[in-house]
Amino acid sequence: MIRAKEASVNTVKAIAARRSIRRFKKDPIPREAIDKILLAGSLAPSAKNRQPWRFTVVEGAKRDEMIEEMRAAIAAREQEGEDVGSSKGTLGSMGQAPVTVFVHNPAGCHPWLAREANASWLELADVQSIGAAIENMLLTAQDLGIGSLWIADVWAAYPELNRWLGRDDQMVAAVSFGYADEAPPARPRKRQSEIVTYL
């Protein structure tokens, strides 16, 4: 029972200390640490125990290839008149991080494809499960002294990145990992009274 309490306190501390890191050092991450982070992701709860996550680890020279693919895709979106949002800034962070993990849902549809109602509910459950896996990864990285950035705006280069990765399934997100080269303060949070209702 004491051990459970200690683990709970450590988890709460990791949650409170975690930050989205956008500036990384060049130092490589040991493979053992990457494996621990991925294992933590795979231990997340999932709807019907489907374990819908698939991880692709990009590092070394492949990282540089990935960055060039993404840069060209963002430029193409801009040429087409699309708003690329914060993807250029994200690209800079990904270019610094020694490791980026792409997370796919092999049973999910690409965002632009139509879905049947029943498939939508199942896909929503899978994406929720993948979110839990990513959070496990972030907190494990925090515990190992490794910074992380959960990336959603890879959408600007979605088809190109999927092609480069050799995948034709639903890309849910990417997560970059590296030793932090910044110490951002905590972001403002809404008060409990704004987000919680007791009945």
N, C-alpha and C. Protein backbone atom coordinates (compact mmCIF):
# COMPACT_ATOMS: atom_id res chain seq x y z
N MET A 1 0.83 -1.21 0.00
CA MET A 1 0.00 0.00 0.00
C MET A 1 0.87 1.26 0.00
N ILE A 2 1.96 1.26 0.76
CA ILE A 2 2.85 2.42 0.81
C ILE A 2 3.46 2.67 -0.57
N ARG A 3 3.86 1.58 -1.25
CA ARG A 3 4.44 1.73 -2.57
C ARG A 3 3.46 2.37 -3.54
N ALA A 4 2.21 1.97 -3.45
CA ALA A 4 1.19 2.54 -4.34
C ALA A 4 1.05 4.03 -4.10
N LYS A 5 1.09 4.45 -2.83
CA LYS A 5 1.00 5.88 -2.52
C LYS A 5 2.19 6.64 -3.08
N GLU A 6 3.38 6.05 -2.94
CA GLU A 6 4.59 6.71 -3.45
C GLU A 6 4.52 6.87 -4.96
N ALA A 7 4.06 5.81 -5.66
CA ALA A 7 3.94 5.86 -7.12
C ALA A 7 2.95 6.94 -7.52
N SER A 8 1.85 7.04 -6.78
CA SER A 8 0.83 8.04 -7.09
C SER A 8 1.40 9.45 -6.97
N VAL A 9 2.17 9.70 -5.92
CA VAL A 9 2.77 11.02 -5.73
C VAL A 9 3.73 11.32 -6.88
N ASN A 10 4.54 10.34 -7.29
CA ASN A 10 5.48 10.54 -8.39
C ASN A 10 4.76 10.85 -9.69
N THR A 11 3.64 10.17 -9.92
CA THR A 11 2.86 10.42 -11.13
C THR A 11 2.33 11.84 -11.15
N VAL A 12 1.79 12.28 -10.03
CA VAL A 12 1.26 13.64 -9.95
C VAL A 12 2.36 14.67 -10.17
N LYS A 13 3.54 14.39 -9.62
CA LYS A 13 4.67 15.31 -9.82
C LYS A 13 5.08 15.36 -11.29
N ALA A 14 5.09 14.21 -11.94
CA ALA A 14 5.47 14.16 -13.36
C ALA A 14 4.45 14.92 -14.21
N ILE A 15 3.18 14.78 -13.88
CA ILE A 15 2.13 15.49 -14.61
C ILE A 15 2.31 17.00 -14.46
N ALA A 16 2.57 17.43 -13.23
CA ALA A 16 2.72 18.86 -12.97
C ALA A 16 3.99 19.44 -13.58
N ALA A 17 5.04 18.63 -13.68
CA ALA A 17 6.33 19.12 -14.18
C ALA A 17 6.45 19.08 -15.70
N ARG A 18 5.62 18.27 -16.36
CA ARG A 18 5.75 18.10 -17.80
C ARG A 18 5.48 19.41 -18.55
N ARG A 19 6.28 19.68 -19.57
CA ARG A 19 6.12 20.86 -20.42
C ARG A 19 6.24 20.44 -21.88
N SER A 20 5.63 21.19 -22.77
CA SER A 20 5.85 20.99 -24.20
C SER A 20 7.15 21.69 -24.57
N ILE A 21 8.12 20.92 -25.01
CA ILE A 21 9.46 21.44 -25.31
C ILE A 21 9.58 21.70 -26.81
N ARG A 22 10.06 22.88 -27.16
CA ARG A 22 10.22 23.24 -28.57
C ARG A 22 11.67 23.52 -28.95
N ARG A 23 12.57 23.48 -27.97
CA ARG A 23 14.00 23.63 -28.24
C ARG A 23 14.73 22.47 -27.59
N PHE A 24 15.46 21.72 -28.42
CA PHE A 24 16.12 20.51 -27.94
C PHE A 24 17.63 20.59 -28.13
N LYS A 25 18.37 19.91 -27.26
CA LYS A 25 19.81 19.74 -27.42
C LYS A 25 20.08 18.67 -28.48
N LYS A 26 21.30 18.65 -28.99
CA LYS A 26 21.66 17.70 -30.03
C LYS A 26 21.96 16.30 -29.48
N ASP A 27 22.12 16.19 -28.17
CA ASP A 27 22.51 14.91 -27.57
C ASP A 27 21.54 13.79 -27.97
N PRO A 28 22.07 12.64 -28.39
CA PRO A 28 21.19 11.52 -28.75
C PRO A 28 20.53 10.91 -27.53
N ILE A 29 19.41 10.27 -27.75
CA ILE A 29 18.72 9.56 -26.68
C ILE A 29 19.10 8.08 -26.76
N PRO A 30 19.53 7.47 -25.66
CA PRO A 30 19.88 6.05 -25.70
C PRO A 30 18.69 5.19 -26.15
N ARG A 31 18.97 4.16 -26.92
CA ARG A 31 17.91 3.27 -27.40
C ARG A 31 17.10 2.68 -26.24
N GLU A 32 17.79 2.40 -25.13
CA GLU A 32 17.10 1.84 -23.96
C GLU A 32 16.01 2.79 -23.47
N ALA A 33 16.28 4.10 -23.49
CA ALA A 33 15.30 5.08 -23.04
C ALA A 33 14.12 5.15 -24.02
N ILE A 34 14.41 5.10 -25.31
CA ILE A 34 13.33 5.10 -26.30
C ILE A 34 12.44 3.88 -26.11
N ASP A 35 13.06 2.72 -25.88
CA ASP A 35 12.29 1.50 -25.67
C ASP A 35 11.39 1.60 -24.44
N LYS A 36 11.90 2.22 -23.37
CA LYS A 36 11.07 2.40 -22.16
C LYS A 36 9.87 3.29 -22.45
N ILE A 37 10.10 4.35 -23.22
CA ILE A 37 9.02 5.28 -23.57
C ILE A 37 7.95 4.56 -24.40
N LEU A 38 8.39 3.76 -25.37
CA LEU A 38 7.44 3.05 -26.23
C LEU A 38 6.71 1.96 -25.46
N LEU A 39 7.41 1.30 -24.54
CA LEU A 39 6.76 0.29 -23.71
C LEU A 39 5.64 0.93 -22.89
N ALA A 40 5.93 2.10 -22.31
CA ALA A 40 4.91 2.80 -21.53
C ALA A 40 3.70 3.11 -22.40
N GLY A 41 3.93 3.53 -23.64
CA GLY A 41 2.82 3.78 -24.54
C GLY A 41 1.99 2.53 -24.77
N SER A 42 2.65 1.40 -24.94
CA SER A 42 1.93 0.15 -25.23
C SER A 42 1.16 -0.38 -24.03
N LEU A 43 1.45 0.13 -22.83
CA LEU A 43 0.76 -0.32 -21.61
C LEU A 43 -0.50 0.51 -21.31
N ALA A 44 -0.83 1.46 -22.17
CA ALA A 44 -2.01 2.30 -21.95
C ALA A 44 -3.29 1.47 -22.07
N PRO A 45 -4.35 1.91 -21.40
CA PRO A 45 -5.64 1.23 -21.59
C PRO A 45 -6.16 1.51 -23.00
N SER A 46 -6.91 0.56 -23.53
CA SER A 46 -7.50 0.76 -24.86
C SER A 46 -8.88 0.12 -24.93
N ALA A 47 -9.74 0.71 -25.73
CA ALA A 47 -11.11 0.21 -25.88
C ALA A 47 -11.08 -1.23 -26.40
N LYS A 48 -11.77 -2.14 -25.71
CA LYS A 48 -11.84 -3.56 -26.07
C LYS A 48 -10.45 -4.20 -26.17
N ASN A 49 -9.48 -3.57 -25.52
CA ASN A 49 -8.07 -4.03 -25.57
C ASN A 49 -7.60 -4.18 -27.01
N ARG A 50 -8.04 -3.27 -27.87
CA ARG A 50 -7.64 -3.34 -29.29
C ARG A 50 -6.19 -2.91 -29.51
N GLN A 51 -5.64 -2.14 -28.56
CA GLN A 51 -4.25 -1.68 -28.67
C GLN A 51 -3.99 -1.15 -30.09
N PRO A 52 -4.69 -0.07 -30.47
CA PRO A 52 -4.70 0.37 -31.87
C PRO A 52 -3.46 1.14 -32.31
N TRP A 53 -2.53 1.36 -31.43
CA TRP A 53 -1.37 2.19 -31.76
C TRP A 53 -0.31 1.41 -32.52
N ARG A 54 0.32 2.11 -33.47
CA ARG A 54 1.51 1.60 -34.16
C ARG A 54 2.53 2.73 -34.17
N PHE A 55 3.75 2.44 -33.75
CA PHE A 55 4.78 3.46 -33.59
C PHE A 55 5.87 3.31 -34.65
N THR A 56 6.24 4.40 -35.28
CA THR A 56 7.38 4.42 -36.20
C THR A 56 8.39 5.43 -35.66
N VAL A 57 9.59 4.96 -35.33
CA VAL A 57 10.63 5.79 -34.74
C VAL A 57 11.55 6.32 -35.85
N VAL A 58 11.70 7.64 -35.89
CA VAL A 58 12.55 8.27 -36.89
C VAL A 58 13.71 8.95 -36.16
N GLU A 59 14.93 8.60 -36.54
CA GLU A 59 16.11 9.17 -35.89
C GLU A 59 17.28 9.20 -36.87
N GLY A 60 18.36 9.84 -36.48
CA GLY A 60 19.57 9.86 -37.30
C GLY A 60 19.35 10.52 -38.65
N ALA A 61 19.95 9.94 -39.69
CA ALA A 61 19.84 10.50 -41.04
C ALA A 61 18.40 10.49 -41.53
N LYS A 62 17.61 9.54 -41.08
CA LYS A 62 16.20 9.47 -41.50
C LYS A 62 15.43 10.69 -40.99
N ARG A 63 15.85 11.21 -39.85
CA ARG A 63 15.20 12.44 -39.35
C ARG A 63 15.37 13.57 -40.35
N ASP A 64 16.57 13.71 -40.89
CA ASP A 64 16.82 14.77 -41.85
C ASP A 64 15.98 14.59 -43.12
N GLU A 65 15.84 13.35 -43.58
CA GLU A 65 14.98 13.07 -44.72
C GLU A 65 13.53 13.47 -44.43
N MET A 66 13.07 13.09 -43.22
CA MET A 66 11.70 13.40 -42.82
C MET A 66 11.45 14.90 -42.80
N ILE A 67 12.41 15.65 -42.29
CA ILE A 67 12.28 17.11 -42.21
C ILE A 67 12.16 17.71 -43.62
N GLU A 68 12.96 17.21 -44.56
CA GLU A 68 12.90 17.72 -45.93
C GLU A 68 11.56 17.40 -46.57
N GLU A 69 11.04 16.21 -46.33
CA GLU A 69 9.71 15.84 -46.86
C GLU A 69 8.65 16.79 -46.31
N MET A 70 8.71 17.04 -45.03
CA MET A 70 7.71 17.89 -44.39
C MET A 70 7.85 19.33 -44.86
N ARG A 71 9.08 19.82 -45.00
CA ARG A 71 9.31 21.18 -45.46
C ARG A 71 8.73 21.39 -46.87
N ALA A 72 8.97 20.44 -47.76
CA ALA A 72 8.46 20.54 -49.13
C ALA A 72 6.94 20.50 -49.14
N ALA A 73 6.35 19.66 -48.29
CA ALA A 73 4.89 19.54 -48.24
C ALA A 73 4.25 20.83 -47.72
N ILE A 74 4.84 21.43 -46.71
CA ILE A 74 4.31 22.69 -46.17
C ILE A 74 4.38 23.78 -47.23
N ALA A 75 5.49 23.82 -47.97
CA ALA A 75 5.63 24.81 -49.04
C ALA A 75 4.56 24.59 -50.11
N ALA A 76 4.26 23.33 -50.40
CA ALA A 76 3.23 23.02 -51.40
C ALA A 76 1.85 23.48 -50.92
N ARG A 77 1.56 23.27 -49.62
CA ARG A 77 0.27 23.73 -49.08
C ARG A 77 0.14 25.25 -49.19
N GLU A 78 1.23 25.94 -48.90
CA GLU A 78 1.20 27.40 -49.00
C GLU A 78 0.98 27.84 -50.44
N GLN A 79 1.61 27.15 -51.38
CA GLN A 79 1.41 27.47 -52.81
C GLN A 79 -0.05 27.27 -53.21
N GLU A 80 -0.70 26.31 -52.55
CA GLU A 80 -2.12 26.03 -52.83
C GLU A 80 -3.04 27.00 -52.11
N GLY A 81 -2.46 27.91 -51.32
CA GLY A 81 -3.26 28.91 -50.62
C GLY A 81 -3.82 28.45 -49.29
N GLU A 82 -3.33 27.32 -48.77
CA GLU A 82 -3.82 26.81 -47.49
C GLU A 82 -3.09 27.47 -46.33
N ASP A 83 -3.78 27.57 -45.21
CA ASP A 83 -3.18 28.07 -43.97
C ASP A 83 -2.44 26.91 -43.31
N VAL A 84 -1.14 27.03 -43.17
CA VAL A 84 -0.34 25.95 -42.58
C VAL A 84 -0.20 26.10 -41.08
N GLY A 85 -0.87 27.11 -40.51
CA GLY A 85 -0.88 27.27 -39.06
C GLY A 85 0.51 27.38 -38.47
N SER A 86 0.74 26.62 -37.41
CA SER A 86 2.02 26.68 -36.70
C SER A 86 3.00 25.62 -37.17
N SER A 87 2.69 25.00 -38.33
CA SER A 87 3.51 23.86 -38.76
C SER A 87 4.96 24.22 -39.04
N LYS A 88 5.23 25.45 -39.46
CA LYS A 88 6.62 25.84 -39.72
C LYS A 88 7.43 25.87 -38.41
N GLY A 89 6.83 26.41 -37.36
CA GLY A 89 7.50 26.41 -36.07
C GLY A 89 7.71 24.99 -35.55
N THR A 90 6.69 24.16 -35.74
CA THR A 90 6.79 22.77 -35.32
C THR A 90 7.92 22.07 -36.07
N LEU A 91 8.03 22.37 -37.36
CA LEU A 91 9.08 21.79 -38.18
C LEU A 91 10.47 22.11 -37.61
N GLY A 92 10.65 23.33 -37.13
CA GLY A 92 11.92 23.71 -36.52
C GLY A 92 12.22 22.89 -35.28
N SER A 93 11.19 22.64 -34.47
CA SER A 93 11.38 21.83 -33.26
C SER A 93 11.70 20.39 -33.61
N MET A 94 10.99 19.85 -34.60
CA MET A 94 11.23 18.47 -35.01
C MET A 94 12.64 18.31 -35.59
N GLY A 95 13.12 19.37 -36.23
CA GLY A 95 14.47 19.33 -36.80
C GLY A 95 15.56 19.31 -35.74
N GLN A 96 15.25 19.81 -34.54
CA GLN A 96 16.21 19.79 -33.43
C GLN A 96 16.14 18.49 -32.64
N ALA A 97 14.95 17.93 -32.51
CA ALA A 97 14.76 16.74 -31.67
C ALA A 97 15.45 15.53 -32.31
N PRO A 98 16.22 14.78 -31.54
CA PRO A 98 16.92 13.62 -32.10
C PRO A 98 15.99 12.47 -32.49
N VAL A 99 14.80 12.43 -31.89
CA VAL A 99 13.86 11.33 -32.16
C VAL A 99 12.45 11.88 -32.35
N THR A 100 11.78 11.42 -33.38
CA THR A 100 10.35 11.68 -33.54
C THR A 100 9.64 10.35 -33.76
N VAL A 101 8.56 10.16 -33.03
CA VAL A 101 7.76 8.93 -33.16
C VAL A 101 6.43 9.29 -33.80
N PHE A 102 6.12 8.65 -34.92
CA PHE A 102 4.82 8.81 -35.55
C PHE A 102 3.89 7.73 -35.02
N VAL A 103 2.65 8.14 -34.72
CA VAL A 103 1.69 7.22 -34.14
C VAL A 103 0.52 7.05 -35.11
N HIS A 104 0.28 5.81 -35.53
CA HIS A 104 -0.78 5.50 -36.48
C HIS A 104 -1.84 4.59 -35.87
N ASN A 105 -3.03 4.69 -36.44
CA ASN A 105 -4.14 3.80 -36.11
C ASN A 105 -4.43 2.97 -37.36
N PRO A 106 -4.00 1.72 -37.42
CA PRO A 106 -4.14 0.93 -38.65
C PRO A 106 -5.59 0.66 -39.04
N ALA A 107 -6.52 0.76 -38.08
CA ALA A 107 -7.93 0.52 -38.40
C ALA A 107 -8.67 1.82 -38.74
N GLY A 108 -7.98 2.96 -38.65
CA GLY A 108 -8.64 4.25 -38.86
C GLY A 108 -8.60 4.70 -40.31
N CYS A 109 -9.55 5.55 -40.66
CA CYS A 109 -9.62 6.13 -42.01
C CYS A 109 -8.84 7.44 -42.05
N HIS A 110 -8.40 7.81 -43.23
CA HIS A 110 -7.80 9.13 -43.41
C HIS A 110 -8.87 10.19 -43.12
N PRO A 111 -8.47 11.35 -42.61
CA PRO A 111 -9.45 12.36 -42.15
C PRO A 111 -10.44 12.80 -43.23
N TRP A 112 -10.05 12.77 -44.49
CA TRP A 112 -10.92 13.30 -45.55
C TRP A 112 -11.90 12.26 -46.09
N LEU A 113 -11.83 11.00 -45.62
CA LEU A 113 -12.71 9.96 -46.13
C LEU A 113 -13.99 9.87 -45.31
N ALA A 114 -15.09 9.52 -45.98
CA ALA A 114 -16.38 9.35 -45.30
C ALA A 114 -16.34 8.08 -44.44
N ARG A 115 -17.13 8.10 -43.38
CA ARG A 115 -17.20 6.96 -42.48
C ARG A 115 -18.65 6.58 -42.24
N GLU A 116 -18.89 5.30 -42.02
CA GLU A 116 -20.20 4.87 -41.57
C GLU A 116 -20.33 5.18 -40.08
N ALA A 117 -21.55 5.38 -39.61
CA ALA A 117 -21.78 5.79 -38.23
C ALA A 117 -21.10 4.86 -37.23
N ASN A 118 -21.27 3.55 -37.39
CA ASN A 118 -20.67 2.61 -36.44
C ASN A 118 -19.15 2.69 -36.46
N ALA A 119 -18.58 2.87 -37.64
CA ALA A 119 -17.12 2.97 -37.75
C ALA A 119 -16.61 4.22 -37.05
N SER A 120 -17.40 5.30 -37.09
CA SER A 120 -16.99 6.54 -36.44
C SER A 120 -16.84 6.36 -34.94
N TRP A 121 -17.79 5.64 -34.33
CA TRP A 121 -17.71 5.44 -32.88
C TRP A 121 -16.50 4.60 -32.51
N LEU A 122 -16.24 3.55 -33.28
CA LEU A 122 -15.09 2.70 -32.99
C LEU A 122 -13.79 3.46 -33.18
N GLU A 123 -13.73 4.27 -34.23
CA GLU A 123 -12.51 5.06 -34.48
C GLU A 123 -12.28 6.08 -33.37
N LEU A 124 -13.36 6.69 -32.89
CA LEU A 124 -13.24 7.64 -31.79
C LEU A 124 -12.66 6.96 -30.55
N ALA A 125 -13.12 5.74 -30.27
CA ALA A 125 -12.59 4.99 -29.13
C ALA A 125 -11.11 4.68 -29.33
N ASP A 126 -10.74 4.33 -30.56
CA ASP A 126 -9.33 4.03 -30.84
C ASP A 126 -8.45 5.27 -30.66
N VAL A 127 -8.93 6.41 -31.14
CA VAL A 127 -8.14 7.64 -31.02
C VAL A 127 -8.01 8.05 -29.55
N GLN A 128 -9.07 7.85 -28.77
CA GLN A 128 -8.95 8.11 -27.33
C GLN A 128 -7.88 7.21 -26.71
N SER A 129 -7.86 5.95 -27.11
CA SER A 129 -6.87 5.01 -26.60
C SER A 129 -5.46 5.44 -26.98
N ILE A 130 -5.30 5.91 -28.20
CA ILE A 130 -3.99 6.37 -28.66
C ILE A 130 -3.56 7.61 -27.88
N GLY A 131 -4.52 8.48 -27.55
CA GLY A 131 -4.20 9.64 -26.71
C GLY A 131 -3.64 9.20 -25.36
N ALA A 132 -4.23 8.14 -24.79
CA ALA A 132 -3.72 7.62 -23.52
C ALA A 132 -2.30 7.08 -23.68
N ALA A 133 -2.03 6.42 -24.81
CA ALA A 133 -0.69 5.88 -25.06
C ALA A 133 0.33 7.01 -25.17
N ILE A 134 -0.05 8.07 -25.87
CA ILE A 134 0.86 9.21 -26.03
C ILE A 134 1.14 9.87 -24.68
N GLU A 135 0.10 10.04 -23.87
CA GLU A 135 0.31 10.64 -22.55
C GLU A 135 1.25 9.78 -21.70
N ASN A 136 1.09 8.47 -21.75
CA ASN A 136 2.02 7.58 -21.04
C ASN A 136 3.46 7.83 -21.49
N MET A 137 3.63 8.01 -22.79
CA MET A 137 4.97 8.24 -23.34
C MET A 137 5.55 9.56 -22.84
N LEU A 138 4.72 10.60 -22.84
CA LEU A 138 5.19 11.91 -22.37
C LEU A 138 5.62 11.85 -20.91
N LEU A 139 4.83 11.19 -20.08
CA LEU A 139 5.13 11.15 -18.65
C LEU A 139 6.35 10.28 -18.37
N THR A 140 6.53 9.21 -19.14
CA THR A 140 7.72 8.38 -18.98
C THR A 140 8.96 9.15 -19.40
N ALA A 141 8.86 9.89 -20.50
CA ALA A 141 9.98 10.73 -20.93
C ALA A 141 10.33 11.73 -19.83
N GLN A 142 9.31 12.35 -19.25
CA GLN A 142 9.53 13.31 -18.17
C GLN A 142 10.28 12.64 -17.02
N ASP A 143 9.87 11.44 -16.67
CA ASP A 143 10.50 10.71 -15.58
C ASP A 143 11.96 10.38 -15.89
N LEU A 144 12.28 10.23 -17.18
CA LEU A 144 13.65 9.91 -17.60
C LEU A 144 14.49 11.15 -17.86
N GLY A 145 13.91 12.34 -17.64
CA GLY A 145 14.65 13.58 -17.87
C GLY A 145 14.72 13.97 -19.33
N ILE A 146 13.77 13.48 -20.12
CA ILE A 146 13.73 13.74 -21.56
C ILE A 146 12.53 14.62 -21.88
N GLY A 147 12.75 15.65 -22.68
CA GLY A 147 11.68 16.55 -23.08
C GLY A 147 10.87 15.96 -24.22
N SER A 148 9.65 16.47 -24.40
CA SER A 148 8.78 15.94 -25.44
C SER A 148 7.88 17.03 -26.01
N LEU A 149 7.40 16.79 -27.22
CA LEU A 149 6.45 17.68 -27.87
C LEU A 149 5.43 16.84 -28.61
N TRP A 150 4.18 16.88 -28.16
CA TRP A 150 3.07 16.18 -28.81
C TRP A 150 2.64 17.05 -29.99
N ILE A 151 2.70 16.49 -31.20
CA ILE A 151 2.52 17.27 -32.41
C ILE A 151 1.25 16.86 -33.15
N ALA A 152 0.35 17.81 -33.32
CA ALA A 152 -0.87 17.56 -34.10
C ALA A 152 -0.77 18.17 -35.49
N ASP A 153 0.01 19.25 -35.64
CA ASP A 153 -0.02 19.95 -36.93
C ASP A 153 0.93 19.35 -37.97
N VAL A 154 1.13 18.01 -37.89
CA VAL A 154 1.73 17.30 -39.02
C VAL A 154 0.70 17.16 -40.14
N TRP A 155 -0.54 17.61 -39.85
CA TRP A 155 -1.59 17.51 -40.88
C TRP A 155 -1.20 18.26 -42.16
N ALA A 156 -0.42 19.30 -42.03
CA ALA A 156 -0.04 20.08 -43.21
C ALA A 156 0.77 19.24 -44.19
N ALA A 157 1.34 18.15 -43.72
CA ALA A 157 2.15 17.29 -44.59
C ALA A 157 1.68 15.84 -44.51
N TYR A 158 0.42 15.64 -44.15
CA TYR A 158 -0.11 14.29 -43.87
C TYR A 158 0.14 13.29 -45.01
N PRO A 159 -0.32 13.56 -46.24
CA PRO A 159 -0.14 12.55 -47.31
C PRO A 159 1.34 12.28 -47.61
N GLU A 160 2.13 13.35 -47.65
CA GLU A 160 3.54 13.19 -47.98
C GLU A 160 4.29 12.41 -46.91
N LEU A 161 4.02 12.71 -45.64
CA LEU A 161 4.69 11.98 -44.55
C LEU A 161 4.27 10.52 -44.54
N ASN A 162 2.98 10.27 -44.75
CA ASN A 162 2.52 8.88 -44.79
C ASN A 162 3.20 8.10 -45.92
N ARG A 163 3.30 8.74 -47.07
CA ARG A 163 3.98 8.09 -48.20
C ARG A 163 5.44 7.79 -47.85
N TRP A 164 6.10 8.78 -47.26
CA TRP A 164 7.51 8.61 -46.89
C TRP A 164 7.69 7.51 -45.85
N LEU A 165 6.74 7.41 -44.93
CA LEU A 165 6.79 6.39 -43.89
C LEU A 165 6.39 5.01 -44.41
N GLY A 166 5.86 4.96 -45.62
CA GLY A 166 5.43 3.69 -46.18
C GLY A 166 4.15 3.17 -45.58
N ARG A 167 3.25 4.11 -45.19
CA ARG A 167 2.00 3.72 -44.54
C ARG A 167 0.83 4.29 -45.32
N ASP A 168 -0.31 3.58 -45.22
CA ASP A 168 -1.53 4.07 -45.84
C ASP A 168 -2.68 3.92 -44.86
N ASP A 169 -2.41 4.25 -43.60
CA ASP A 169 -3.45 4.22 -42.59
C ASP A 169 -3.47 5.57 -41.86
N GLN A 170 -4.27 5.66 -40.84
CA GLN A 170 -4.54 6.94 -40.19
C GLN A 170 -3.37 7.39 -39.30
N MET A 171 -2.77 8.52 -39.67
CA MET A 171 -1.73 9.11 -38.84
C MET A 171 -2.42 10.00 -37.81
N VAL A 172 -2.28 9.64 -36.54
CA VAL A 172 -2.98 10.37 -35.47
C VAL A 172 -2.15 11.55 -34.98
N ALA A 173 -0.84 11.34 -34.83
CA ALA A 173 0.02 12.40 -34.29
C ALA A 173 1.47 11.99 -34.45
N ALA A 174 2.34 12.91 -34.10
CA ALA A 174 3.77 12.62 -33.96
C ALA A 174 4.20 13.16 -32.60
N VAL A 175 5.25 12.58 -32.05
CA VAL A 175 5.79 13.06 -30.78
C VAL A 175 7.31 13.15 -30.92
N SER A 176 7.85 14.33 -30.68
CA SER A 176 9.31 14.49 -30.72
C SER A 176 9.88 14.41 -29.32
N PHE A 177 11.06 13.80 -29.22
CA PHE A 177 11.73 13.61 -27.93
C PHE A 177 13.18 14.08 -28.02
N GLY A 178 13.66 14.67 -26.94
CA GLY A 178 15.05 15.08 -26.86
C GLY A 178 15.30 15.73 -25.52
N TYR A 179 16.56 15.95 -25.20
CA TYR A 179 16.89 16.63 -23.95
C TYR A 179 16.59 18.12 -24.13
N ALA A 180 15.85 18.67 -23.19
CA ALA A 180 15.35 20.04 -23.32
C ALA A 180 16.48 21.06 -23.31
N ASP A 181 16.35 22.04 -24.20
CA ASP A 181 17.28 23.17 -24.22
C ASP A 181 16.53 24.45 -23.83
N GLU A 182 15.48 24.28 -23.05
CA GLU A 182 14.69 25.40 -22.53
C GLU A 182 13.95 24.90 -21.30
N ALA A 183 13.46 25.83 -20.50
CA ALA A 183 12.69 25.48 -19.31
C ALA A 183 11.46 26.38 -19.26
N PRO A 184 10.48 26.12 -20.13
CA PRO A 184 9.31 26.99 -20.18
C PRO A 184 8.50 26.93 -18.89
N PRO A 185 7.89 28.04 -18.52
CA PRO A 185 7.03 28.03 -17.32
C PRO A 185 5.73 27.29 -17.60
N ALA A 186 5.03 26.97 -16.56
CA ALA A 186 3.72 26.31 -16.71
C ALA A 186 2.76 27.24 -17.44
N ARG A 187 1.97 26.68 -18.34
CA ARG A 187 0.96 27.47 -19.05
C ARG A 187 -0.24 27.70 -18.13
N PRO A 188 -0.98 28.80 -18.34
CA PRO A 188 -2.16 29.04 -17.51
C PRO A 188 -3.18 27.92 -17.65
N ARG A 189 -3.85 27.62 -16.58
CA ARG A 189 -4.89 26.58 -16.58
C ARG A 189 -6.21 27.18 -16.11
N LYS A 190 -7.28 26.68 -16.66
CA LYS A 190 -8.61 27.13 -16.22
C LYS A 190 -8.85 26.67 -14.79
N ARG A 191 -9.64 27.45 -14.06
CA ARG A 191 -9.98 27.08 -12.68
C ARG A 191 -10.88 25.85 -12.69
N GLN A 192 -10.80 25.07 -11.62
CA GLN A 192 -11.65 23.89 -11.50
C GLN A 192 -13.12 24.25 -11.66
N SER A 193 -13.50 25.40 -11.13
CA SER A 193 -14.91 25.80 -11.19
C SER A 193 -15.39 26.03 -12.63
N GLU A 194 -14.45 26.26 -13.56
CA GLU A 194 -14.81 26.48 -14.95
C GLU A 194 -14.98 25.18 -15.73
N ILE A 195 -14.38 24.11 -15.23
CA ILE A 195 -14.36 22.87 -16.02
C ILE A 195 -15.01 21.68 -15.35
N VAL A 196 -15.39 21.81 -14.07
CA VAL A 196 -15.95 20.68 -13.34
C VAL A 196 -17.36 21.00 -12.89
N THR A 197 -18.25 20.04 -13.11
CA THR A 197 -19.62 20.14 -12.60
C THR A 197 -19.90 18.91 -11.76
N TYR A 198 -20.33 19.11 -10.52
CA TYR A 198 -20.75 18.00 -9.67
C TYR A 198 -22.27 17.94 -9.67
N LEU A 199 -22.81 16.77 -9.86
CA LEU A 199 -24.28 16.59 -9.84
C LEU A 199 -24.71 15.87 -8.57
